[in-house]
């Protein structure tokens, strides 16, 4: 049961991090784009819902930089 609690805590922390990323402007998001891309992938693997607006903005910014998205991000 403690493992379940730890997973819930990690999922909650990830959800809060995604909300912080979503609140950033495109310029701020672009500055940390690599980190945000990896966090989106990790969130999906953890089963944490990724805000659609954030996923869309990250996808657009990655296209602007010609950065490929990983397979899970492309399916979003």
N, C-alpha and C. Protein backbone atom coordinates (compact mmCIF):
# COMPACT_ATOMS: atom_id res chain seq x y z
N UNK A 1 0.82 -1.19 0.00
CA UNK A 1 0.00 0.00 0.00
C UNK A 1 0.86 1.26 0.00
N UNK A 2 1.99 1.22 0.65
CA UNK A 2 2.85 2.41 0.66
C UNK A 2 3.37 2.72 -0.73
N UNK A 3 3.54 1.68 -1.57
CA UNK A 3 3.97 1.90 -2.95
C UNK A 3 2.88 2.65 -3.72
N UNK A 4 1.61 2.29 -3.47
CA UNK A 4 0.50 2.98 -4.11
C UNK A 4 0.47 4.45 -3.70
N UNK A 5 0.71 4.71 -2.42
CA UNK A 5 0.72 6.09 -1.93
C UNK A 5 1.86 6.86 -2.58
N UNK A 6 3.03 6.23 -2.71
CA UNK A 6 4.18 6.88 -3.34
C UNK A 6 3.86 7.20 -4.80
N UNK A 7 3.20 6.28 -5.50
CA UNK A 7 2.84 6.51 -6.90
C UNK A 7 1.84 7.66 -7.02
N UNK A 8 0.87 7.71 -6.11
CA UNK A 8 -0.10 8.80 -6.13
C UNK A 8 0.59 10.13 -5.88
N UNK A 9 1.52 10.15 -4.92
CA UNK A 9 2.27 11.37 -4.64
C UNK A 9 3.07 11.80 -5.87
N UNK A 10 3.73 10.86 -6.53
CA UNK A 10 4.50 11.19 -7.74
C UNK A 10 3.59 11.70 -8.85
N UNK A 11 2.43 11.07 -9.00
CA UNK A 11 1.49 11.50 -10.02
C UNK A 11 0.97 12.91 -9.71
N UNK A 12 0.70 13.19 -8.44
CA UNK A 12 0.22 14.51 -8.05
C UNK A 12 1.29 15.56 -8.32
N UNK A 13 2.54 15.25 -7.98
CA UNK A 13 3.63 16.18 -8.24
C UNK A 13 3.79 16.43 -9.73
N UNK A 14 3.66 15.38 -10.53
CA UNK A 14 3.77 15.53 -11.98
C UNK A 14 2.63 16.40 -12.51
N UNK A 15 1.41 16.17 -12.02
CA UNK A 15 0.26 16.97 -12.46
C UNK A 15 0.48 18.44 -12.11
N UNK A 16 1.02 18.72 -10.94
CA UNK A 16 1.30 20.10 -10.55
C UNK A 16 2.38 20.72 -11.43
N UNK A 17 3.40 19.94 -11.78
CA UNK A 17 4.46 20.44 -12.66
C UNK A 17 3.88 20.78 -14.03
N UNK A 18 2.99 19.93 -14.54
CA UNK A 18 2.38 20.20 -15.85
C UNK A 18 1.56 21.48 -15.81
N UNK A 19 0.86 21.72 -14.69
CA UNK A 19 0.08 22.94 -14.56
C UNK A 19 0.99 24.17 -14.57
N UNK A 20 2.14 24.06 -13.93
CA UNK A 20 3.10 25.17 -13.93
C UNK A 20 3.62 25.43 -15.34
N UNK A 21 3.92 24.37 -16.08
CA UNK A 21 4.38 24.54 -17.46
C UNK A 21 3.29 25.19 -18.31
N UNK A 22 2.04 24.75 -18.12
CA UNK A 22 0.93 25.28 -18.91
C UNK A 22 0.71 26.77 -18.65
N UNK A 23 1.07 27.24 -17.47
CA UNK A 23 0.87 28.65 -17.12
C UNK A 23 1.94 29.56 -17.72
N UNK A 24 2.99 29.00 -18.28
CA UNK A 24 4.07 29.81 -18.84
C UNK A 24 3.70 30.35 -20.21
N UNK A 25 4.32 31.47 -20.55
CA UNK A 25 4.14 32.03 -21.89
C UNK A 25 4.90 31.15 -22.88
N UNK A 26 4.62 31.30 -24.16
CA UNK A 26 5.33 30.53 -25.18
C UNK A 26 6.83 30.80 -25.12
N UNK A 27 7.22 32.05 -24.84
CA UNK A 27 8.63 32.38 -24.77
C UNK A 27 9.31 31.63 -23.62
N UNK A 28 8.64 31.60 -22.46
CA UNK A 28 9.18 30.88 -21.31
C UNK A 28 9.18 29.37 -21.57
N UNK A 29 8.13 28.88 -22.20
CA UNK A 29 8.04 27.46 -22.51
C UNK A 29 9.13 27.05 -23.49
N UNK A 30 9.38 27.90 -24.47
CA UNK A 30 10.41 27.62 -25.47
C UNK A 30 11.79 27.52 -24.80
N UNK A 31 12.03 28.33 -23.79
CA UNK A 31 13.32 28.35 -23.09
C UNK A 31 13.60 27.00 -22.41
N UNK A 32 12.55 26.34 -21.93
CA UNK A 32 12.71 25.08 -21.22
C UNK A 32 12.10 23.91 -22.00
N UNK A 33 12.04 24.04 -23.30
CA UNK A 33 11.32 23.08 -24.14
C UNK A 33 11.83 21.65 -23.99
N UNK A 34 13.13 21.45 -23.92
CA UNK A 34 13.67 20.10 -23.78
C UNK A 34 13.17 19.43 -22.51
N UNK A 35 13.22 20.15 -21.41
CA UNK A 35 12.75 19.63 -20.13
C UNK A 35 11.25 19.32 -20.20
N UNK A 36 10.49 20.24 -20.76
CA UNK A 36 9.04 20.06 -20.83
C UNK A 36 8.70 18.85 -21.69
N UNK A 37 9.40 18.66 -22.82
CA UNK A 37 9.15 17.49 -23.68
C UNK A 37 9.33 16.20 -22.91
N UNK A 38 10.42 16.13 -22.14
CA UNK A 38 10.69 14.92 -21.38
C UNK A 38 9.65 14.72 -20.27
N UNK A 39 9.22 15.79 -19.66
CA UNK A 39 8.20 15.69 -18.61
C UNK A 39 6.87 15.21 -19.18
N UNK A 40 6.52 15.66 -20.38
CA UNK A 40 5.28 15.20 -21.00
C UNK A 40 5.33 13.70 -21.25
N UNK A 41 6.47 13.23 -21.77
CA UNK A 41 6.62 11.79 -22.00
C UNK A 41 6.54 11.01 -20.70
N UNK A 42 7.21 11.51 -19.65
CA UNK A 42 7.17 10.83 -18.35
C UNK A 42 5.75 10.83 -17.79
N UNK A 43 5.05 11.94 -17.94
CA UNK A 43 3.67 12.02 -17.43
C UNK A 43 2.79 10.99 -18.12
N UNK A 44 2.94 10.88 -19.42
CA UNK A 44 2.12 9.89 -20.15
C UNK A 44 2.44 8.48 -19.69
N UNK A 45 3.72 8.17 -19.49
CA UNK A 45 4.09 6.84 -19.02
C UNK A 45 3.56 6.56 -17.62
N UNK A 46 3.43 7.61 -16.80
CA UNK A 46 2.90 7.45 -15.44
C UNK A 46 1.38 7.41 -15.42
N UNK A 47 0.75 7.70 -16.54
CA UNK A 47 -0.71 7.73 -16.60
C UNK A 47 -1.30 9.04 -16.13
N UNK A 48 -0.47 10.09 -16.08
CA UNK A 48 -0.95 11.41 -15.68
C UNK A 48 -1.48 12.12 -16.91
N UNK A 49 -2.70 12.62 -16.88
CA UNK A 49 -3.25 13.31 -18.04
C UNK A 49 -2.46 14.59 -18.34
N UNK A 50 -2.15 14.76 -19.61
CA UNK A 50 -1.42 15.95 -20.06
C UNK A 50 -2.44 16.93 -20.62
N UNK A 51 -2.43 18.17 -20.13
CA UNK A 51 -3.37 19.16 -20.67
C UNK A 51 -3.21 19.29 -22.19
N UNK A 52 -4.31 19.20 -22.90
CA UNK A 52 -4.26 19.23 -24.37
C UNK A 52 -3.62 20.51 -24.88
N UNK A 53 -3.91 21.64 -24.25
CA UNK A 53 -3.34 22.91 -24.68
C UNK A 53 -1.82 22.89 -24.55
N UNK A 54 -1.32 22.34 -23.45
CA UNK A 54 0.13 22.25 -23.25
C UNK A 54 0.76 21.35 -24.30
N UNK A 55 0.17 20.19 -24.54
CA UNK A 55 0.70 19.26 -25.55
C UNK A 55 0.73 19.92 -26.92
N UNK A 56 -0.31 20.66 -27.26
CA UNK A 56 -0.38 21.34 -28.55
C UNK A 56 0.70 22.41 -28.68
N UNK A 57 0.88 23.19 -27.61
CA UNK A 57 1.90 24.25 -27.64
C UNK A 57 3.30 23.66 -27.75
N UNK A 58 3.57 22.58 -27.01
CA UNK A 58 4.88 21.94 -27.07
C UNK A 58 5.12 21.38 -28.47
N UNK A 59 4.11 20.76 -29.05
CA UNK A 59 4.23 20.23 -30.40
C UNK A 59 4.56 21.34 -31.40
N UNK A 60 3.85 22.46 -31.28
CA UNK A 60 4.08 23.60 -32.19
C UNK A 60 5.50 24.15 -32.03
N UNK A 61 5.94 24.29 -30.78
CA UNK A 61 7.29 24.83 -30.54
C UNK A 61 8.37 23.86 -31.02
N UNK A 62 8.12 22.56 -30.88
CA UNK A 62 9.07 21.56 -31.38
C UNK A 62 9.17 21.63 -32.90
N UNK A 63 8.03 21.80 -33.56
CA UNK A 63 8.04 21.94 -35.02
C UNK A 63 8.85 23.15 -35.44
N UNK A 64 8.68 24.24 -34.70
CA UNK A 64 9.41 25.48 -34.98
C UNK A 64 10.92 25.25 -34.92
N UNK A 65 11.36 24.41 -33.99
CA UNK A 65 12.78 24.10 -33.83
C UNK A 65 13.21 22.91 -34.67
N UNK A 66 12.28 22.28 -35.35
CA UNK A 66 12.53 21.06 -36.12
C UNK A 66 12.99 19.92 -35.22
N UNK A 67 12.45 19.88 -34.01
CA UNK A 67 12.75 18.79 -33.07
C UNK A 67 11.69 17.72 -33.25
N UNK A 68 12.12 16.47 -33.40
CA UNK A 68 11.13 15.39 -33.49
C UNK A 68 10.49 15.14 -32.12
N UNK A 69 9.26 14.69 -32.16
CA UNK A 69 8.57 14.28 -30.94
C UNK A 69 8.76 12.78 -30.79
N UNK A 70 8.76 12.28 -29.55
CA UNK A 70 8.86 10.84 -29.39
C UNK A 70 7.54 10.22 -29.79
N UNK A 71 7.51 8.91 -29.94
CA UNK A 71 6.34 8.19 -30.45
C UNK A 71 5.09 8.48 -29.64
N UNK A 72 5.21 8.51 -28.32
CA UNK A 72 4.04 8.75 -27.48
C UNK A 72 3.52 10.16 -27.67
N UNK A 73 4.41 11.13 -27.86
CA UNK A 73 3.97 12.51 -28.06
C UNK A 73 3.29 12.66 -29.42
N UNK A 74 3.76 11.93 -30.43
CA UNK A 74 3.14 12.04 -31.75
C UNK A 74 1.73 11.51 -31.75
N UNK A 75 1.43 10.55 -30.88
CA UNK A 75 0.11 9.98 -30.82
C UNK A 75 -0.90 10.85 -30.10
N UNK A 76 -0.44 11.91 -29.46
CA UNK A 76 -1.35 12.78 -28.68
C UNK A 76 -2.16 13.69 -29.55
